[in-house]
Amino acid sequence: MLQRTLECVRVCGENGIKTMICHPTDGLVPPEVSRFGIENFAKIIQCGEENGVDIAFENIQLPQFLDVLFDRFGNHDNVKFCYDTGHENCFSKNTDCLTKFGSKLACLHIHDNDGNTDGHMIPFDGNLNFENFLRKLKNLDHQLPLSLELYMSKSTMYQNAAPDSFVRRAAEAAKQLEKLYNSI
């Protein structure tokens, strides 16, 4: 896994990709934080520095791993944060990772869900409070694209949808998000 991640960082650098998103854990029962893990993340961050790539750690199932990473490596200029709206809504309600790590915010994964499963639904199709998210985002005063991370296959809501109608609905939701953001 480490070698594959290091290769991804190098490929990003070779192709002028400035930011690579990295999940700090995988699954609901990852191993405990260890010296081995910290050393591996140090190698990934160093590889990013050497290749001109920011490593944006994403909030996923266990946000406490972000605490460890940002406490240990947050002083590195290339250590950044990718905020995922849906992950916080279903995996770590009320943790407010956006505010906590907002000073390091580099990118967004915006999607909705039902609060129980990671459905990667079109915004406003689930129960996420987008006004609250956008208010926090605006308070950070970052100028980032409102990028959607959607999957037709992760929610039964779209099982009979044609891809072109899914994309049109997603585009309308993106416009609605932008309008809501600008009204705050």
N, C-alpha and C. Protein backbone atom coordinates (compact mmCIF):
# COMPACT_ATOMS: atom_id res chain seq x y z
N MET A 1 0.83 -1.19 0.00
CA MET A 1 0.00 0.00 0.00
C MET A 1 0.87 1.25 0.00
N LEU A 2 1.94 1.24 0.81
CA LEU A 2 2.83 2.40 0.85
C LEU A 2 3.46 2.63 -0.51
N GLN A 3 4.00 1.59 -1.13
CA GLN A 3 4.66 1.76 -2.43
C GLN A 3 3.69 2.26 -3.48
N ARG A 4 2.47 1.75 -3.47
CA ARG A 4 1.46 2.21 -4.43
C ARG A 4 1.14 3.68 -4.21
N THR A 5 1.03 4.10 -2.95
CA THR A 5 0.72 5.49 -2.64
C THR A 5 1.88 6.40 -3.04
N LEU A 6 3.10 5.99 -2.76
CA LEU A 6 4.26 6.77 -3.17
C LEU A 6 4.32 6.92 -4.69
N GLU A 7 3.99 5.85 -5.40
CA GLU A 7 3.97 5.91 -6.86
C GLU A 7 2.89 6.88 -7.34
N CYS A 8 1.74 6.88 -6.68
CA CYS A 8 0.68 7.84 -7.03
C CYS A 8 1.16 9.27 -6.83
N VAL A 9 1.87 9.52 -5.75
CA VAL A 9 2.40 10.87 -5.50
C VAL A 9 3.37 11.25 -6.62
N ARG A 10 4.27 10.35 -6.98
CA ARG A 10 5.24 10.64 -8.05
C ARG A 10 4.54 10.90 -9.38
N VAL A 11 3.54 10.10 -9.70
CA VAL A 11 2.79 10.29 -10.95
C VAL A 11 2.08 11.64 -10.95
N CYS A 12 1.52 12.02 -9.80
CA CYS A 12 0.90 13.34 -9.70
C CYS A 12 1.92 14.43 -10.01
N GLY A 13 3.08 14.33 -9.39
CA GLY A 13 4.12 15.32 -9.60
C GLY A 13 4.57 15.38 -11.06
N GLU A 14 4.76 14.23 -11.68
CA GLU A 14 5.19 14.17 -13.09
C GLU A 14 4.17 14.80 -14.03
N ASN A 15 2.91 14.79 -13.62
CA ASN A 15 1.84 15.29 -14.48
C ASN A 15 1.28 16.64 -14.05
N GLY A 16 2.00 17.31 -13.15
CA GLY A 16 1.60 18.66 -12.74
C GLY A 16 0.35 18.71 -11.89
N ILE A 17 0.00 17.60 -11.27
CA ILE A 17 -1.16 17.57 -10.39
C ILE A 17 -0.70 18.04 -9.02
N LYS A 18 -1.23 19.16 -8.58
CA LYS A 18 -0.75 19.84 -7.38
C LYS A 18 -1.21 19.18 -6.08
N THR A 19 -2.40 18.58 -6.09
CA THR A 19 -2.97 18.03 -4.85
C THR A 19 -3.43 16.60 -5.05
N MET A 20 -3.03 15.72 -4.15
CA MET A 20 -3.48 14.33 -4.14
C MET A 20 -4.26 14.08 -2.86
N ILE A 21 -5.43 13.54 -2.99
CA ILE A 21 -6.26 13.24 -1.82
C ILE A 21 -5.89 11.86 -1.30
N CYS A 22 -5.77 11.77 0.02
CA CYS A 22 -5.34 10.53 0.66
C CYS A 22 -6.28 10.19 1.81
N HIS A 23 -6.80 8.97 1.81
CA HIS A 23 -7.60 8.50 2.94
C HIS A 23 -6.63 8.03 4.03
N PRO A 24 -6.75 8.55 5.23
CA PRO A 24 -5.83 8.13 6.29
C PRO A 24 -6.11 6.73 6.82
N THR A 25 -7.31 6.22 6.62
CA THR A 25 -7.67 4.87 7.04
C THR A 25 -8.61 4.30 6.00
N ASP A 26 -8.92 3.02 6.17
CA ASP A 26 -9.90 2.38 5.31
C ASP A 26 -10.70 1.41 6.17
N GLY A 27 -11.99 1.47 6.04
CA GLY A 27 -12.84 0.57 6.81
C GLY A 27 -13.19 1.12 8.17
N LEU A 28 -14.17 0.49 8.79
CA LEU A 28 -14.65 0.97 10.09
C LEU A 28 -13.80 0.48 11.26
N VAL A 29 -12.92 -0.49 11.02
CA VAL A 29 -12.07 -0.99 12.09
C VAL A 29 -10.61 -1.02 11.62
N PRO A 30 -10.03 0.17 11.41
CA PRO A 30 -8.62 0.20 10.99
C PRO A 30 -7.72 -0.13 12.17
N PRO A 31 -6.46 -0.42 11.88
CA PRO A 31 -5.53 -0.68 12.98
C PRO A 31 -5.33 0.56 13.83
N GLU A 32 -4.87 0.36 15.04
CA GLU A 32 -4.56 1.48 15.92
C GLU A 32 -3.41 2.31 15.33
N VAL A 33 -3.33 3.55 15.74
CA VAL A 33 -2.22 4.39 15.34
C VAL A 33 -0.94 3.74 15.88
N SER A 34 0.07 3.67 15.01
CA SER A 34 1.32 3.02 15.41
C SER A 34 2.51 3.81 14.86
N ARG A 35 3.67 3.51 15.39
CA ARG A 35 4.91 4.11 14.90
C ARG A 35 5.09 3.77 13.42
N PHE A 36 4.79 2.54 13.04
CA PHE A 36 4.89 2.09 11.66
C PHE A 36 4.02 2.94 10.74
N GLY A 37 2.79 3.19 11.15
CA GLY A 37 1.88 4.02 10.36
C GLY A 37 2.36 5.45 10.24
N ILE A 38 2.80 6.01 11.35
CA ILE A 38 3.31 7.39 11.35
C ILE A 38 4.52 7.51 10.43
N GLU A 39 5.42 6.53 10.49
CA GLU A 39 6.59 6.54 9.61
C GLU A 39 6.18 6.48 8.14
N ASN A 40 5.17 5.67 7.83
CA ASN A 40 4.70 5.57 6.44
C ASN A 40 4.08 6.89 5.97
N PHE A 41 3.29 7.53 6.82
CA PHE A 41 2.74 8.83 6.44
C PHE A 41 3.83 9.87 6.28
N ALA A 42 4.87 9.80 7.09
CA ALA A 42 6.01 10.72 6.94
C ALA A 42 6.66 10.53 5.57
N LYS A 43 6.77 9.29 5.11
CA LYS A 43 7.35 9.01 3.79
C LYS A 43 6.46 9.57 2.67
N ILE A 44 5.17 9.44 2.83
CA ILE A 44 4.23 9.95 1.83
C ILE A 44 4.33 11.48 1.75
N ILE A 45 4.35 12.11 2.90
CA ILE A 45 4.44 13.58 2.95
C ILE A 45 5.78 14.04 2.37
N GLN A 46 6.87 13.37 2.71
CA GLN A 46 8.18 13.72 2.16
C GLN A 46 8.20 13.54 0.65
N CYS A 47 7.61 12.46 0.17
CA CYS A 47 7.54 12.23 -1.28
C CYS A 47 6.75 13.36 -1.94
N GLY A 48 5.69 13.80 -1.29
CA GLY A 48 4.93 14.93 -1.80
C GLY A 48 5.77 16.19 -1.88
N GLU A 49 6.53 16.46 -0.83
CA GLU A 49 7.41 17.63 -0.83
C GLU A 49 8.42 17.56 -1.97
N GLU A 50 9.00 16.39 -2.17
CA GLU A 50 10.02 16.21 -3.21
C GLU A 50 9.44 16.33 -4.62
N ASN A 51 8.15 16.05 -4.76
CA ASN A 51 7.52 16.05 -6.08
C ASN A 51 6.56 17.22 -6.30
N GLY A 52 6.54 18.16 -5.35
CA GLY A 52 5.68 19.34 -5.49
C GLY A 52 4.20 19.03 -5.40
N VAL A 53 3.86 18.06 -4.57
CA VAL A 53 2.47 17.62 -4.44
C VAL A 53 1.99 17.80 -3.01
N ASP A 54 0.85 18.48 -2.87
CA ASP A 54 0.20 18.57 -1.57
C ASP A 54 -0.55 17.27 -1.30
N ILE A 55 -0.51 16.81 -0.06
CA ILE A 55 -1.25 15.62 0.34
C ILE A 55 -2.44 16.10 1.17
N ALA A 56 -3.64 15.92 0.62
CA ALA A 56 -4.86 16.37 1.30
C ALA A 56 -5.52 15.17 1.95
N PHE A 57 -5.45 15.12 3.27
CA PHE A 57 -6.06 14.03 4.02
C PHE A 57 -7.56 14.27 4.14
N GLU A 58 -8.33 13.24 3.81
CA GLU A 58 -9.79 13.35 3.78
C GLU A 58 -10.40 12.78 5.06
N ASN A 59 -11.45 13.46 5.53
CA ASN A 59 -12.20 12.91 6.65
C ASN A 59 -13.00 11.71 6.14
N ILE A 60 -12.77 10.58 6.80
CA ILE A 60 -13.53 9.39 6.42
C ILE A 60 -14.16 8.81 7.67
N GLN A 61 -14.08 7.50 7.86
CA GLN A 61 -14.84 6.87 8.94
C GLN A 61 -14.42 7.31 10.34
N LEU A 62 -13.15 7.46 10.60
CA LEU A 62 -12.67 7.75 11.95
C LEU A 62 -11.87 9.06 11.95
N PRO A 63 -12.53 10.18 12.23
CA PRO A 63 -11.85 11.47 12.14
C PRO A 63 -10.72 11.65 13.16
N GLN A 64 -10.66 10.83 14.19
CA GLN A 64 -9.58 10.98 15.17
C GLN A 64 -8.21 10.71 14.54
N PHE A 65 -8.17 9.98 13.43
CA PHE A 65 -6.91 9.78 12.74
C PHE A 65 -6.41 11.10 12.15
N LEU A 66 -7.33 11.96 11.76
CA LEU A 66 -6.93 13.28 11.26
C LEU A 66 -6.26 14.08 12.37
N ASP A 67 -6.77 13.95 13.60
CA ASP A 67 -6.14 14.65 14.73
C ASP A 67 -4.67 14.26 14.83
N VAL A 68 -4.40 12.97 14.74
CA VAL A 68 -3.01 12.49 14.84
C VAL A 68 -2.18 13.05 13.70
N LEU A 69 -2.70 12.95 12.47
CA LEU A 69 -1.93 13.41 11.31
C LEU A 69 -1.65 14.91 11.35
N PHE A 70 -2.68 15.70 11.67
CA PHE A 70 -2.46 17.15 11.69
C PHE A 70 -1.65 17.59 12.90
N ASP A 71 -1.76 16.89 14.02
CA ASP A 71 -0.91 17.21 15.17
C ASP A 71 0.55 16.94 14.84
N ARG A 72 0.80 15.83 14.17
CA ARG A 72 2.17 15.41 13.88
C ARG A 72 2.77 16.12 12.66
N PHE A 73 1.94 16.32 11.60
CA PHE A 73 2.48 16.80 10.33
C PHE A 73 1.86 18.11 9.84
N GLY A 74 0.97 18.69 10.60
CA GLY A 74 0.27 19.89 10.16
C GLY A 74 1.17 21.08 9.89
N ASN A 75 2.38 21.06 10.41
CA ASN A 75 3.31 22.17 10.16
C ASN A 75 3.97 22.08 8.79
N HIS A 76 3.79 20.99 8.08
CA HIS A 76 4.33 20.86 6.72
C HIS A 76 3.42 21.63 5.77
N ASP A 77 4.03 22.43 4.92
CA ASP A 77 3.25 23.24 3.98
C ASP A 77 2.42 22.41 3.02
N ASN A 78 2.87 21.19 2.72
CA ASN A 78 2.15 20.38 1.74
C ASN A 78 1.11 19.44 2.38
N VAL A 79 0.90 19.54 3.67
CA VAL A 79 -0.15 18.74 4.32
C VAL A 79 -1.42 19.57 4.35
N LYS A 80 -2.43 19.05 3.67
CA LYS A 80 -3.69 19.77 3.47
C LYS A 80 -4.87 18.91 3.92
N PHE A 81 -6.07 19.46 3.75
CA PHE A 81 -7.30 18.79 4.16
C PHE A 81 -8.29 18.77 3.01
N CYS A 82 -8.90 17.62 2.80
CA CYS A 82 -10.01 17.47 1.86
C CYS A 82 -11.26 17.18 2.69
N TYR A 83 -12.22 18.09 2.62
CA TYR A 83 -13.45 17.91 3.40
C TYR A 83 -14.50 17.19 2.56
N ASP A 84 -15.04 16.11 3.11
CA ASP A 84 -16.08 15.32 2.46
C ASP A 84 -17.37 15.48 3.25
N THR A 85 -18.36 16.13 2.63
CA THR A 85 -19.63 16.41 3.33
C THR A 85 -20.36 15.14 3.73
N GLY A 86 -20.44 14.20 2.83
CA GLY A 86 -21.20 12.98 3.11
C GLY A 86 -20.56 12.11 4.17
N HIS A 87 -19.24 12.06 4.20
CA HIS A 87 -18.57 11.23 5.19
C HIS A 87 -18.87 11.74 6.60
N GLU A 88 -18.86 13.04 6.78
CA GLU A 88 -19.17 13.55 8.11
C GLU A 88 -20.63 13.28 8.47
N ASN A 89 -21.51 13.37 7.48
CA ASN A 89 -22.95 13.17 7.74
C ASN A 89 -23.26 11.74 8.14
N CYS A 90 -22.53 10.76 7.62
CA CYS A 90 -22.87 9.38 7.98
C CYS A 90 -21.88 8.69 8.89
N PHE A 91 -20.63 9.12 8.91
CA PHE A 91 -19.63 8.43 9.72
C PHE A 91 -19.28 9.15 11.02
N SER A 92 -19.33 10.45 11.02
CA SER A 92 -18.81 11.18 12.19
C SER A 92 -19.62 12.45 12.46
N LYS A 93 -20.92 12.25 12.64
CA LYS A 93 -21.82 13.38 12.90
C LYS A 93 -21.30 14.24 14.05
N ASN A 94 -21.49 15.53 13.92
CA ASN A 94 -21.16 16.50 14.97
C ASN A 94 -19.67 16.61 15.29
N THR A 95 -18.80 16.18 14.39
CA THR A 95 -17.37 16.35 14.66
C THR A 95 -16.86 17.67 14.10
N ASP A 96 -17.53 18.23 13.11
CA ASP A 96 -17.18 19.51 12.51
C ASP A 96 -15.72 19.58 12.06
N CYS A 97 -15.34 18.61 11.25
CA CYS A 97 -13.98 18.59 10.69
C CYS A 97 -13.70 19.82 9.84
N LEU A 98 -14.73 20.35 9.19
CA LEU A 98 -14.53 21.52 8.33
C LEU A 98 -13.99 22.70 9.12
N THR A 99 -14.59 22.97 10.25
CA THR A 99 -14.11 24.07 11.08
C THR A 99 -12.76 23.71 11.72
N LYS A 100 -12.65 22.50 12.20
CA LYS A 100 -11.45 22.08 12.92
C LYS A 100 -10.19 22.13 12.05
N PHE A 101 -10.31 21.67 10.81
CA PHE A 101 -9.15 21.60 9.93
C PHE A 101 -9.24 22.58 8.77
N GLY A 102 -10.16 23.52 8.85
CA GLY A 102 -10.42 24.45 7.76
C GLY A 102 -9.24 25.29 7.34
N SER A 103 -8.32 25.56 8.24
CA SER A 103 -7.15 26.37 7.86
C SER A 103 -6.27 25.63 6.86
N LYS A 104 -6.41 24.32 6.77
CA LYS A 104 -5.62 23.51 5.84
C LYS A 104 -6.45 23.04 4.63
N LEU A 105 -7.68 23.55 4.50
CA LEU A 105 -8.60 23.11 3.45
C LEU A 105 -8.03 23.38 2.06
N ALA A 106 -8.00 22.33 1.24
CA ALA A 106 -7.50 22.46 -0.13
C ALA A 106 -8.52 22.02 -1.17
N CYS A 107 -9.46 21.16 -0.78
CA CYS A 107 -10.43 20.65 -1.75
C CYS A 107 -11.66 20.11 -1.03
N LEU A 108 -12.71 19.93 -1.82
CA LEU A 108 -14.01 19.49 -1.29
C LEU A 108 -14.51 18.28 -2.06
N HIS A 109 -15.16 17.39 -1.35
CA HIS A 109 -15.95 16.31 -1.94
C HIS A 109 -17.37 16.52 -1.44
N ILE A 110 -18.22 17.04 -2.31
CA ILE A 110 -19.58 17.36 -1.90
C ILE A 110 -20.53 16.30 -2.44
N HIS A 111 -21.28 15.71 -1.53
CA HIS A 111 -22.34 14.77 -1.89
C HIS A 111 -23.27 14.63 -0.70
N ASP A 112 -24.36 13.96 -0.92
CA ASP A 112 -25.40 13.81 0.10
C ASP A 112 -25.56 12.33 0.43
N ASN A 113 -26.28 12.07 1.51
CA ASN A 113 -26.65 10.69 1.87
C ASN A 113 -27.79 10.73 2.87
N ASP A 114 -28.18 9.55 3.34
CA ASP A 114 -29.29 9.45 4.28
C ASP A 114 -28.85 9.53 5.74
N GLY A 115 -27.57 9.77 5.97
CA GLY A 115 -27.04 9.85 7.33
C GLY A 115 -26.61 8.50 7.89
N ASN A 116 -26.88 7.43 7.15
CA ASN A 116 -26.51 6.09 7.61
C ASN A 116 -25.53 5.38 6.68
N THR A 117 -25.67 5.63 5.39
CA THR A 117 -24.79 4.99 4.42
C THR A 117 -24.14 6.05 3.53
N ASP A 118 -22.99 5.71 3.02
CA ASP A 118 -22.20 6.62 2.20
C ASP A 118 -22.68 6.55 0.75
N GLY A 119 -23.86 7.11 0.49
CA GLY A 119 -24.52 6.96 -0.80
C GLY A 119 -24.01 7.82 -1.92
N HIS A 120 -23.18 8.82 -1.65
CA HIS A 120 -22.66 9.72 -2.68
C HIS A 120 -23.77 10.19 -3.62
N MET A 121 -24.85 10.65 -3.00
CA MET A 121 -26.04 11.10 -3.72
C MET A 121 -25.90 12.55 -4.16
N ILE A 122 -26.75 12.93 -5.09
CA ILE A 122 -26.81 14.32 -5.55
C ILE A 122 -27.24 15.19 -4.37
N PRO A 123 -26.59 16.34 -4.18
CA PRO A 123 -27.00 17.23 -3.09
C PRO A 123 -28.50 17.52 -3.13
N PHE A 124 -29.08 17.54 -1.94
CA PHE A 124 -30.50 17.79 -1.68
C PHE A 124 -31.37 16.55 -1.88
N ASP A 125 -30.77 15.39 -2.23
CA ASP A 125 -31.53 14.15 -2.33
C ASP A 125 -31.51 13.37 -1.01
N GLY A 126 -30.66 13.76 -0.07
CA GLY A 126 -30.57 13.10 1.22
C GLY A 126 -30.97 14.04 2.33
N ASN A 127 -30.32 13.91 3.49
CA ASN A 127 -30.70 14.73 4.64
C ASN A 127 -29.60 15.65 5.15
N LEU A 128 -28.55 15.86 4.37
CA LEU A 128 -27.46 16.73 4.79
C LEU A 128 -27.92 18.19 4.79
N ASN A 129 -27.49 18.94 5.78
CA ASN A 129 -27.83 20.35 5.90
C ASN A 129 -26.81 21.17 5.13
N PHE A 130 -27.10 21.41 3.86
CA PHE A 130 -26.14 22.12 3.01
C PHE A 130 -26.01 23.59 3.37
N GLU A 131 -27.05 24.20 3.89
CA GLU A 131 -26.93 25.60 4.30
C GLU A 131 -25.91 25.73 5.43
N ASN A 132 -25.95 24.83 6.38
CA ASN A 132 -24.99 24.84 7.49
C ASN A 132 -23.56 24.63 6.96
N PHE A 133 -23.38 23.66 6.07
CA PHE A 133 -22.06 23.41 5.47
C PHE A 133 -21.55 24.65 4.74
N LEU A 134 -22.39 25.24 3.91
CA LEU A 134 -21.95 26.39 3.11
C LEU A 134 -21.67 27.61 3.99
N ARG A 135 -22.40 27.76 5.07
CA ARG A 135 -22.13 28.86 6.01
C ARG A 135 -20.74 28.70 6.62
N LYS A 136 -20.42 27.48 7.05
CA LYS A 136 -19.08 27.22 7.61
C LYS A 136 -18.00 27.44 6.56
N LEU A 137 -18.27 26.99 5.34
CA LEU A 137 -17.31 27.17 4.26
C LEU A 137 -17.06 28.64 3.99
N LYS A 138 -18.13 29.40 3.94
CA LYS A 138 -18.00 30.84 3.67
C LYS A 138 -17.23 31.54 4.79
N ASN A 139 -17.44 31.11 6.03
CA ASN A 139 -16.71 31.69 7.15
C ASN A 139 -15.21 31.45 7.06
N LEU A 140 -14.81 30.38 6.38
CA LEU A 140 -13.39 30.09 6.20
C LEU A 140 -12.75 31.01 5.17
N ASP A 141 -13.57 31.62 4.33
CA ASP A 141 -13.11 32.57 3.32
C ASP A 141 -12.10 31.94 2.36
N HIS A 142 -12.35 30.69 1.97
CA HIS A 142 -11.54 30.02 0.95
C HIS A 142 -12.26 30.13 -0.38
N GLN A 143 -11.53 30.30 -1.44
CA GLN A 143 -12.10 30.32 -2.78
C GLN A 143 -11.80 28.98 -3.45
N LEU A 144 -12.65 28.00 -3.18
CA LEU A 144 -12.46 26.67 -3.74
C LEU A 144 -13.63 26.30 -4.65
N PRO A 145 -13.39 25.50 -5.65
CA PRO A 145 -14.52 25.01 -6.46
C PRO A 145 -15.44 24.14 -5.60
N LEU A 146 -16.72 24.26 -5.83
CA LEU A 146 -17.70 23.40 -5.16
C LEU A 146 -17.80 22.12 -5.98
N SER A 147 -16.91 21.17 -5.72
CA SER A 147 -16.81 19.96 -6.54
C SER A 147 -17.67 18.84 -5.96
N LEU A 148 -18.43 18.20 -6.83
CA LEU A 148 -19.31 17.11 -6.43
C LEU A 148 -18.58 15.77 -6.59
N GLU A 149 -18.85 14.84 -5.68
CA GLU A 149 -18.32 13.48 -5.76
C GLU A 149 -19.51 12.53 -5.70
N LEU A 150 -20.04 12.20 -6.86
CA LEU A 150 -21.29 11.47 -6.97
C LEU A 150 -21.09 10.12 -7.64
N TYR A 151 -21.93 9.15 -7.23
CA TYR A 151 -21.92 7.83 -7.84
C TYR A 151 -23.37 7.39 -8.06
N MET A 152 -23.69 7.02 -9.26
CA MET A 152 -25.02 6.51 -9.53
C MET A 152 -25.24 5.17 -8.84
N SER A 153 -24.19 4.38 -8.72
CA SER A 153 -24.31 3.00 -8.25
C SER A 153 -24.35 2.83 -6.74
N LYS A 154 -24.09 3.87 -5.98
CA LYS A 154 -24.04 3.73 -4.52
C LYS A 154 -25.39 3.94 -3.84
N SER A 155 -26.38 4.38 -4.58
CA SER A 155 -27.70 4.59 -3.99
C SER A 155 -28.76 3.98 -4.91
N THR A 156 -29.72 3.30 -4.32
CA THR A 156 -30.81 2.72 -5.11
C THR A 156 -31.67 3.81 -5.74
N MET A 157 -31.57 5.03 -5.24
CA MET A 157 -32.36 6.14 -5.77
C MET A 157 -32.14 6.33 -7.28
N TYR A 158 -30.95 5.97 -7.77
CA TYR A 158 -30.61 6.24 -9.16
C TYR A 158 -30.54 4.97 -10.01
N GLN A 159 -30.99 3.85 -9.48
CA GLN A 159 -30.81 2.58 -10.19
C GLN A 159 -31.48 2.55 -11.56
N ASN A 160 -32.53 3.30 -11.76
CA ASN A 160 -33.21 3.33 -13.06
C ASN A 160 -32.97 4.63 -13.83
N ALA A 161 -32.08 5.45 -13.34
CA ALA A 161 -31.82 6.74 -13.98
C ALA A 161 -30.89 6.56 -15.18
N ALA A 162 -31.16 7.33 -16.21
CA ALA A 162 -30.25 7.39 -17.35
C ALA A 162 -29.07 8.30 -16.97
N PRO A 163 -27.88 7.97 -17.42
CA PRO A 163 -26.71 8.78 -17.05
C PRO A 163 -26.88 10.26 -17.39
N ASP A 164 -27.48 10.57 -18.54
CA ASP A 164 -27.61 11.99 -18.90
C ASP A 164 -28.56 12.73 -17.97
N SER A 165 -29.62 12.07 -17.51
CA SER A 165 -30.53 12.73 -16.57
C SER A 165 -29.87 12.89 -15.20
N PHE A 166 -29.06 11.91 -14.80
CA PHE A 166 -28.30 12.00 -13.54
C PHE A 166 -27.37 13.21 -13.58
N VAL A 167 -26.66 13.37 -14.68
CA VAL A 167 -25.72 14.47 -14.81
C VAL A 167 -26.46 15.81 -14.83
N ARG A 168 -27.59 15.86 -15.51
CA ARG A 168 -28.37 17.12 -15.52
C ARG A 168 -28.86 17.47 -14.12
N ARG A 169 -29.35 16.49 -13.38
CA ARG A 169 -29.79 16.74 -12.00
C ARG A 169 -28.63 17.18 -11.13
N ALA A 170 -27.47 16.58 -11.32
CA ALA A 170 -26.28 16.97 -10.57
C ALA A 170 -25.88 18.41 -10.89
N ALA A 171 -25.95 18.78 -12.17
CA ALA A 171 -25.60 20.15 -12.57
C ALA A 171 -26.57 21.14 -11.95
N GLU A 172 -27.84 20.81 -11.91
CA GLU A 172 -28.83 21.69 -11.28
C GLU A 172 -28.56 21.82 -9.79
N ALA A 173 -28.20 20.73 -9.14
CA ALA A 173 -27.88 20.78 -7.71
C ALA A 173 -26.65 21.65 -7.47
N ALA A 174 -25.66 21.55 -8.36
CA ALA A 174 -24.46 22.39 -8.23
C ALA A 174 -24.84 23.87 -8.34
N LYS A 175 -25.70 24.19 -9.28
CA LYS A 175 -26.16 25.59 -9.42
C LYS A 175 -26.91 26.03 -8.16
N GLN A 176 -27.73 25.15 -7.62
CA GLN A 176 -28.47 25.47 -6.39
C GLN A 176 -27.51 25.69 -5.22
N LEU A 177 -26.46 24.88 -5.12
CA LEU A 177 -25.44 25.07 -4.08
C LEU A 177 -24.76 26.42 -4.23
N GLU A 178 -24.38 26.76 -5.45
CA GLU A 178 -23.72 28.03 -5.70
C GLU A 178 -24.64 29.20 -5.34
N LYS A 179 -25.89 29.11 -5.71
CA LYS A 179 -26.85 30.15 -5.40
C LYS A 179 -27.02 30.30 -3.88
N LEU A 180 -27.12 29.18 -3.19
CA LEU A 180 -27.25 29.20 -1.73
C LEU A 180 -26.00 29.80 -1.09
N TYR A 181 -24.82 29.39 -1.58
CA TYR A 181 -23.55 29.93 -1.06
C TYR A 181 -23.51 31.44 -1.22
N ASN A 182 -23.88 31.93 -2.40
CA ASN A 182 -23.84 33.36 -2.67
C ASN A 182 -24.88 34.14 -1.86
N SER A 183 -25.94 33.49 -1.41
CA SER A 183 -26.98 34.17 -0.64
C SER A 183 -26.64 34.28 0.85
N ILE A 184 -25.64 33.56 1.28
CA ILE A 184 -25.26 33.53 2.71
C ILE A 184 -24.40 34.75 3.03
